[in-house]
Amino acid sequence: MDQPVAGDPWQFPAPAGTPSVKPSDEMPLEPAGERRYGGFFRRGAALLIDCFVVAMLALVMGLMAYVGYRVGLAAHHQTVTRVTMMPLITLLTTAAAMLATSYFVLFHGMDGKTIGKRLLRLRVVGMENRRIGYRRAVLRWIATLAFAPLLLGFLWVLLSREKRAWHDYLARTWVIRE
């Protein structure tokens, strides 16, 4: 019977006769075989769904912050004006950017599927259909933001045999259909 690792109170011994396998970023999600790549329109639809989800979350966050801000101003005998709204707008813009970053990095880093990708049966993978992890998810997000103003990065999916955008090439990722 395996003994728990010293210093890890949550490590329990495996039942007798069970092989000791630990999950790893290096384990493939599924056998590497013939990949079916996610095309331009399917990826675009998944992105629209994800943008809608992030926008709804940001809207709820913004409404809650606005109510709190307005109550706080009223407690100090002030009203909402263009001048008093600027700090809230700055805060909400920063918070919305952080929300979008967290959404895409966490979902892609966990299992390669955002809500939109899950609905359209897409997954972001690395070599041999492996999970990309959080570092590569951050790199992919930064590259997405860097290439987004050019639009060529996204349009490249139409020309690429593997249906990869520029941020996929930079992060060494593929978007596959399940």
C-alpha atoms as a PDB file:
ATOM      1  CA  MET A   1       0.000   0.000   0.000  1.00  0.00           C
ATOM      2  CA  ASP A   2       1.356   3.447  -0.918  1.00  0.00           C
ATOM      3  CA  GLN A   3       2.165   5.797   1.914  1.00  0.00           C
ATOM      4  CA  PRO A   4       0.953   9.438   1.900  1.00  0.00           C
ATOM      5  CA  VAL A   5       3.499  12.046   0.921  1.00  0.00           C
ATOM      6  CA  ALA A   6       4.926  13.803   3.981  1.00  0.00           C
ATOM      7  CA  GLY A   7       3.510  17.301   4.410  1.00  0.00           C
ATOM      8  CA  ASP A   8       0.408  16.661   2.285  1.00  0.00           C
ATOM      9  CA  PRO A   9      -2.551  16.052   4.635  1.00  0.00           C
ATOM     10  CA  TRP A  10      -4.946  15.460   1.710  1.00  0.00           C
ATOM     11  CA  GLN A  11      -2.968  12.638   0.165  1.00  0.00           C
ATOM     12  CA  PHE A  12      -4.680   9.344   0.994  1.00  0.00           C
ATOM     13  CA  PRO A  13      -3.222   5.926   0.312  1.00  0.00           C
ATOM     14  CA  ALA A  14      -4.509   4.146  -2.779  1.00  0.00           C
ATOM     15  CA  PRO A  15      -6.404   0.869  -2.319  1.00  0.00           C
ATOM     16  CA  ALA A  16      -4.251  -2.232  -2.596  1.00  0.00           C
ATOM     17  CA  GLY A  17      -3.687  -3.384  -6.155  1.00  0.00           C
ATOM     18  CA  THR A  18      -4.495   0.003  -7.758  1.00  0.00           C
ATOM     19  CA  PRO A  19      -1.858   1.362 -10.145  1.00  0.00           C
ATOM     20  CA  SER A  20      -0.363   4.660  -9.035  1.00  0.00           C
ATOM     21  CA  VAL A  21      -1.231   7.147 -11.784  1.00  0.00           C
ATOM     22  CA  LYS A  22      -1.177  10.870 -11.142  1.00  0.00           C
ATOM     23  CA  PRO A  23      -2.993  13.311 -13.460  1.00  0.00           C
ATOM     24  CA  SER A  24      -0.611  15.435 -15.430  1.00  0.00           C
ATOM     25  CA  ASP A  25      -0.595  18.130 -18.038  1.00  0.00           C
ATOM     26  CA  GLU A  26       1.398  15.680 -20.127  1.00  0.00           C
ATOM     27  CA  MET A  27      -1.375  13.084 -20.318  1.00  0.00           C
ATOM     28  CA  PRO A  28      -3.404  13.250 -23.536  1.00  0.00           C
ATOM     29  CA  LEU A  29      -7.098  14.008 -23.214  1.00  0.00           C
ATOM     30  CA  GLU A  30      -7.897  11.434 -25.863  1.00  0.00           C
ATOM     31  CA  PRO A  31      -5.876   9.321 -28.265  1.00  0.00           C
ATOM     32  CA  ALA A  32      -4.057  11.365 -30.864  1.00  0.00           C
ATOM     33  CA  GLY A  33      -5.533  10.370 -34.172  1.00  0.00           C
ATOM     34  CA  GLU A  34      -7.206  12.145 -37.003  1.00  0.00           C
ATOM     35  CA  ARG A  35      -7.963  15.662 -35.851  1.00  0.00           C
ATOM     36  CA  ARG A  36     -11.110  17.407 -36.974  1.00  0.00           C
ATOM     37  CA  TYR A  37     -10.374  21.116 -36.776  1.00  0.00           C
ATOM     38  CA  GLY A  38     -12.856  23.749 -35.689  1.00  0.00           C
ATOM     39  CA  GLY A  39     -13.660  25.915 -38.685  1.00  0.00           C
ATOM     40  CA  PHE A  40     -14.048  29.663 -38.988  1.00  0.00           C
ATOM     41  CA  PHE A  41     -17.827  29.869 -38.548  1.00  0.00           C
ATOM     42  CA  ARG A  42     -18.005  27.378 -35.695  1.00  0.00           C
ATOM     43  CA  ARG A  43     -15.185  29.185 -33.878  1.00  0.00           C
ATOM     44  CA  GLY A  44     -16.808  32.551 -34.586  1.00  0.00           C
ATOM     45  CA  ALA A  45     -20.134  31.351 -33.187  1.00  0.00           C
ATOM     46  CA  ALA A  46     -18.398  30.050 -30.059  1.00  0.00           C
ATOM     47  CA  LEU A  47     -16.672  33.414 -29.646  1.00  0.00           C
ATOM     48  CA  LEU A  48     -20.012  35.239 -29.970  1.00  0.00           C
ATOM     49  CA  ILE A  49     -21.521  33.023 -27.270  1.00  0.00           C
ATOM     50  CA  ASP A  50     -18.517  33.642 -25.016  1.00  0.00           C
ATOM     51  CA  CYS A  51     -18.694  37.396 -25.582  1.00  0.00           C
ATOM     52  CA  PHE A  52     -22.391  37.307 -24.695  1.00  0.00           C
ATOM     53  CA  VAL A  53     -21.646  35.389 -21.465  1.00  0.00           C
ATOM     54  CA  VAL A  54     -18.877  37.813 -20.484  1.00  0.00           C
ATOM     55  CA  ALA A  55     -21.085  40.795 -21.350  1.00  0.00           C
ATOM     56  CA  MET A  56     -23.933  39.471 -19.178  1.00  0.00           C
ATOM     57  CA  LEU A  57     -21.541  38.872 -16.269  1.00  0.00           C
ATOM     58  CA  ALA A  58     -20.091  42.360 -16.726  1.00  0.00           C
ATOM     59  CA  LEU A  59     -23.592  43.842 -16.860  1.00  0.00           C
ATOM     60  CA  VAL A  60     -24.573  42.210 -13.566  1.00  0.00           C
ATOM     61  CA  MET A  61     -21.281  43.328 -12.031  1.00  0.00           C
ATOM     62  CA  GLY A  62     -21.809  46.858 -13.348  1.00  0.00           C
ATOM     63  CA  LEU A  63     -25.381  47.130 -12.084  1.00  0.00           C
ATOM     64  CA  MET A  64     -24.370  45.940  -8.628  1.00  0.00           C
ATOM     65  CA  ALA A  65     -21.462  48.385  -8.538  1.00  0.00           C
ATOM     66  CA  TYR A  66     -23.667  51.239  -9.742  1.00  0.00           C
ATOM     67  CA  VAL A  67     -26.240  50.625  -7.014  1.00  0.00           C
ATOM     68  CA  GLY A  68     -23.522  50.488  -4.384  1.00  0.00           C
ATOM     69  CA  TYR A  69     -21.842  53.595  -5.764  1.00  0.00           C
ATOM     70  CA  ARG A  70     -25.107  55.507  -5.841  1.00  0.00           C
ATOM     71  CA  VAL A  71     -25.914  54.514  -2.254  1.00  0.00           C
ATOM     72  CA  GLY A  72     -22.416  55.589  -1.208  1.00  0.00           C
ATOM     73  CA  LEU A  73     -22.778  58.958  -2.907  1.00  0.00           C
ATOM     74  CA  ALA A  74     -26.190  59.469  -1.290  1.00  0.00           C
ATOM     75  CA  ALA A  75     -24.672  58.758   2.120  1.00  0.00           C
ATOM     76  CA  HIS A  76     -22.314  61.690   1.481  1.00  0.00           C
ATOM     77  CA  HIS A  77     -25.120  63.922   0.175  1.00  0.00           C
ATOM     78  CA  GLN A  78     -23.905  63.797  -3.420  1.00  0.00           C
ATOM     79  CA  THR A  79     -25.676  62.843  -6.607  1.00  0.00           C
ATOM     80  CA  VAL A  80     -24.560  60.949  -9.679  1.00  0.00           C
ATOM     81  CA  THR A  81     -23.087  63.371 -12.194  1.00  0.00           C
ATOM     82  CA  ARG A  82     -20.667  63.075 -15.081  1.00  0.00           C
ATOM     83  CA  VAL A  83     -17.791  64.030 -12.791  1.00  0.00           C
ATOM     84  CA  THR A  84     -18.716  61.636  -9.979  1.00  0.00           C
ATOM     85  CA  MET A  85     -19.219  58.756 -12.442  1.00  0.00           C
ATOM     86  CA  MET A  86     -15.671  58.833 -13.872  1.00  0.00           C
ATOM     87  CA  PRO A  87     -14.081  56.788 -11.046  1.00  0.00           C
ATOM     88  CA  LEU A  88     -16.818  54.161 -11.355  1.00  0.00           C
ATOM     89  CA  ILE A  89     -16.462  53.979 -15.134  1.00  0.00           C
ATOM     90  CA  THR A  90     -12.705  53.552 -14.819  1.00  0.00           C
ATOM     91  CA  LEU A  91     -13.139  50.833 -12.203  1.00  0.00           C
ATOM     92  CA  LEU A  92     -15.775  48.990 -14.231  1.00  0.00           C
ATOM     93  CA  THR A  93     -13.715  49.123 -17.420  1.00  0.00           C
ATOM     94  CA  THR A  94     -10.751  47.611 -15.602  1.00  0.00           C
ATOM     95  CA  ALA A  95     -12.971  45.014 -13.923  1.00  0.00           C
ATOM     96  CA  ALA A  96     -14.587  44.006 -17.242  1.00  0.00           C
ATOM     97  CA  ALA A  97     -11.149  43.531 -18.832  1.00  0.00           C
ATOM     98  CA  MET A  98     -10.068  41.406 -15.867  1.00  0.00           C
ATOM     99  CA  LEU A  99     -13.303  39.406 -16.091  1.00  0.00           C
ATOM    100  CA  ALA A 100     -12.768  38.637 -19.788  1.00  0.00           C
ATOM    101  CA  THR A 101      -9.139  37.698 -19.171  1.00  0.00           C
ATOM    102  CA  SER A 102     -10.061  35.432 -16.276  1.00  0.00           C
ATOM    103  CA  TYR A 103     -12.876  33.800 -18.237  1.00  0.00           C
ATOM    104  CA  PHE A 104     -10.790  32.858 -21.267  1.00  0.00           C
ATOM    105  CA  VAL A 105      -7.583  31.970 -19.430  1.00  0.00           C
ATOM    106  CA  LEU A 106      -9.268  29.853 -16.758  1.00  0.00           C
ATOM    107  CA  PHE A 107     -11.542  27.941 -19.103  1.00  0.00           C
ATOM    108  CA  HIS A 108      -8.845  27.339 -21.727  1.00  0.00           C
ATOM    109  CA  GLY A 109      -6.300  26.425 -19.066  1.00  0.00           C
ATOM    110  CA  MET A 110      -8.613  23.998 -17.252  1.00  0.00           C
ATOM    111  CA  ASP A 111      -9.840  21.815 -20.070  1.00  0.00           C
ATOM    112  CA  GLY A 112      -9.697  23.905 -23.247  1.00  0.00           C
ATOM    113  CA  LYS A 113     -13.414  24.642 -23.364  1.00  0.00           C
ATOM    114  CA  THR A 114     -15.202  27.900 -22.728  1.00  0.00           C
ATOM    115  CA  ILE A 115     -18.991  27.871 -22.520  1.00  0.00           C
ATOM    116  CA  GLY A 116     -19.257  28.669 -26.231  1.00  0.00           C
ATOM    117  CA  LYS A 117     -16.750  25.990 -27.187  1.00  0.00           C
ATOM    118  CA  ARG A 118     -18.526  23.473 -24.954  1.00  0.00           C
ATOM    119  CA  LEU A 119     -21.870  24.187 -26.659  1.00  0.00           C
ATOM    120  CA  LEU A 120     -20.345  23.858 -30.133  1.00  0.00           C
ATOM    121  CA  ARG A 121     -18.179  20.848 -29.208  1.00  0.00           C
ATOM    122  CA  LEU A 122     -14.814  22.542 -29.646  1.00  0.00           C
ATOM    123  CA  ARG A 123     -11.679  22.270 -27.534  1.00  0.00           C
ATOM    124  CA  VAL A 124      -8.336  24.101 -27.487  1.00  0.00           C
ATOM    125  CA  VAL A 125      -5.492  21.587 -27.323  1.00  0.00           C
ATOM    126  CA  GLY A 126      -1.731  21.441 -27.602  1.00  0.00           C
ATOM    127  CA  MET A 127       0.406  18.779 -29.243  1.00  0.00           C
ATOM    128  CA  GLU A 128      -1.084  15.269 -29.286  1.00  0.00           C
ATOM    129  CA  ASN A 129      -4.438  16.625 -28.053  1.00  0.00           C
ATOM    130  CA  ARG A 130      -3.049  17.514 -24.635  1.00  0.00           C
ATOM    131  CA  ARG A 131      -4.371  20.147 -22.265  1.00  0.00           C
ATOM    132  CA  ILE A 132      -2.654  23.497 -22.815  1.00  0.00           C
ATOM    133  CA  GLY A 133      -2.400  24.601 -19.177  1.00  0.00           C
ATOM    134  CA  TYR A 134      -2.608  28.099 -17.755  1.00  0.00           C
ATOM    135  CA  ARG A 135       0.711  29.471 -19.020  1.00  0.00           C
ATOM    136  CA  ARG A 136      -0.093  28.720 -22.608  1.00  0.00           C
ATOM    137  CA  ALA A 137      -3.664  29.956 -22.078  1.00  0.00           C
ATOM    138  CA  VAL A 138      -2.247  33.313 -20.909  1.00  0.00           C
ATOM    139  CA  LEU A 139       0.079  33.450 -23.931  1.00  0.00           C
ATOM    140  CA  ARG A 140      -2.829  32.614 -26.242  1.00  0.00           C
ATOM    141  CA  TRP A 141      -4.985  35.363 -24.668  1.00  0.00           C
ATOM    142  CA  ILE A 142      -2.234  37.990 -24.960  1.00  0.00           C
ATOM    143  CA  ALA A 143      -1.655  37.020 -28.588  1.00  0.00           C
ATOM    144  CA  THR A 144      -5.403  37.167 -29.248  1.00  0.00           C
ATOM    145  CA  LEU A 145      -5.540  40.721 -27.910  1.00  0.00           C
ATOM    146  CA  ALA A 146      -2.411  41.715 -29.835  1.00  0.00           C
ATOM    147  CA  PHE A 147      -3.684  40.413 -33.178  1.00  0.00           C
ATOM    148  CA  ALA A 148      -7.367  41.351 -32.724  1.00  0.00           C
ATOM    149  CA  PRO A 149      -7.069  44.893 -34.157  1.00  0.00           C
ATOM    150  CA  LEU A 150      -5.601  43.478 -37.371  1.00  0.00           C
ATOM    151  CA  LEU A 151      -8.459  40.975 -37.897  1.00  0.00           C
ATOM    152  CA  LEU A 152      -6.082  39.097 -40.190  1.00  0.00           C
ATOM    153  CA  GLY A 153      -5.201  36.810 -37.305  1.00  0.00           C
ATOM    154  CA  PHE A 154      -8.781  35.561 -37.182  1.00  0.00           C
ATOM    155  CA  LEU A 155      -9.290  35.569 -40.948  1.00  0.00           C
ATOM    156  CA  TRP A 156      -6.211  33.371 -41.262  1.00  0.00           C
ATOM    157  CA  VAL A 157      -8.441  30.486 -40.084  1.00  0.00           C
ATOM    158  CA  LEU A 158     -10.066  30.590 -43.530  1.00  0.00           C
ATOM    159  CA  LEU A 159      -6.703  30.102 -45.265  1.00  0.00           C
ATOM    160  CA  SER A 160      -4.992  27.717 -42.878  1.00  0.00           C
ATOM    161  CA  ARG A 161      -5.193  23.992 -43.625  1.00  0.00           C
ATOM    162  CA  GLU A 162      -5.357  23.293 -39.877  1.00  0.00           C
ATOM    163  CA  LYS A 163      -7.854  26.146 -39.297  1.00  0.00           C
ATOM    164  CA  ARG A 164      -5.454  27.962 -36.970  1.00  0.00           C
ATOM    165  CA  ALA A 165      -5.477  31.675 -36.172  1.00  0.00           C
ATOM    166  CA  TRP A 166      -2.273  33.624 -35.567  1.00  0.00           C
ATOM    167  CA  HIS A 167      -2.687  33.344 -31.803  1.00  0.00           C
ATOM    168  CA  ASP A 168      -2.896  29.555 -32.230  1.00  0.00           C
ATOM    169  CA  TYR A 169       0.406  29.506 -34.103  1.00  0.00           C
ATOM    170  CA  LEU A 170       2.094  31.656 -31.482  1.00  0.00           C
ATOM    171  CA  ALA A 171       0.783  29.595 -28.545  1.00  0.00           C
ATOM    172  CA  ARG A 172       1.215  26.259 -30.376  1.00  0.00           C
ATOM    173  CA  THR A 173      -2.464  25.379 -29.995  1.00  0.00           C
ATOM    174  CA  TRP A 174      -5.198  23.909 -32.167  1.00  0.00           C
ATOM    175  CA  VAL A 175      -8.963  24.179 -31.922  1.00  0.00           C
ATOM    176  CA  ILE A 176     -10.452  20.774 -32.598  1.00  0.00           C
ATOM    177  CA  ARG A 177     -13.966  19.385 -32.900  1.00  0.00           C
ATOM    178  CA  GLU A 178     -14.994  16.643 -30.532  1.00  0.00           C
END
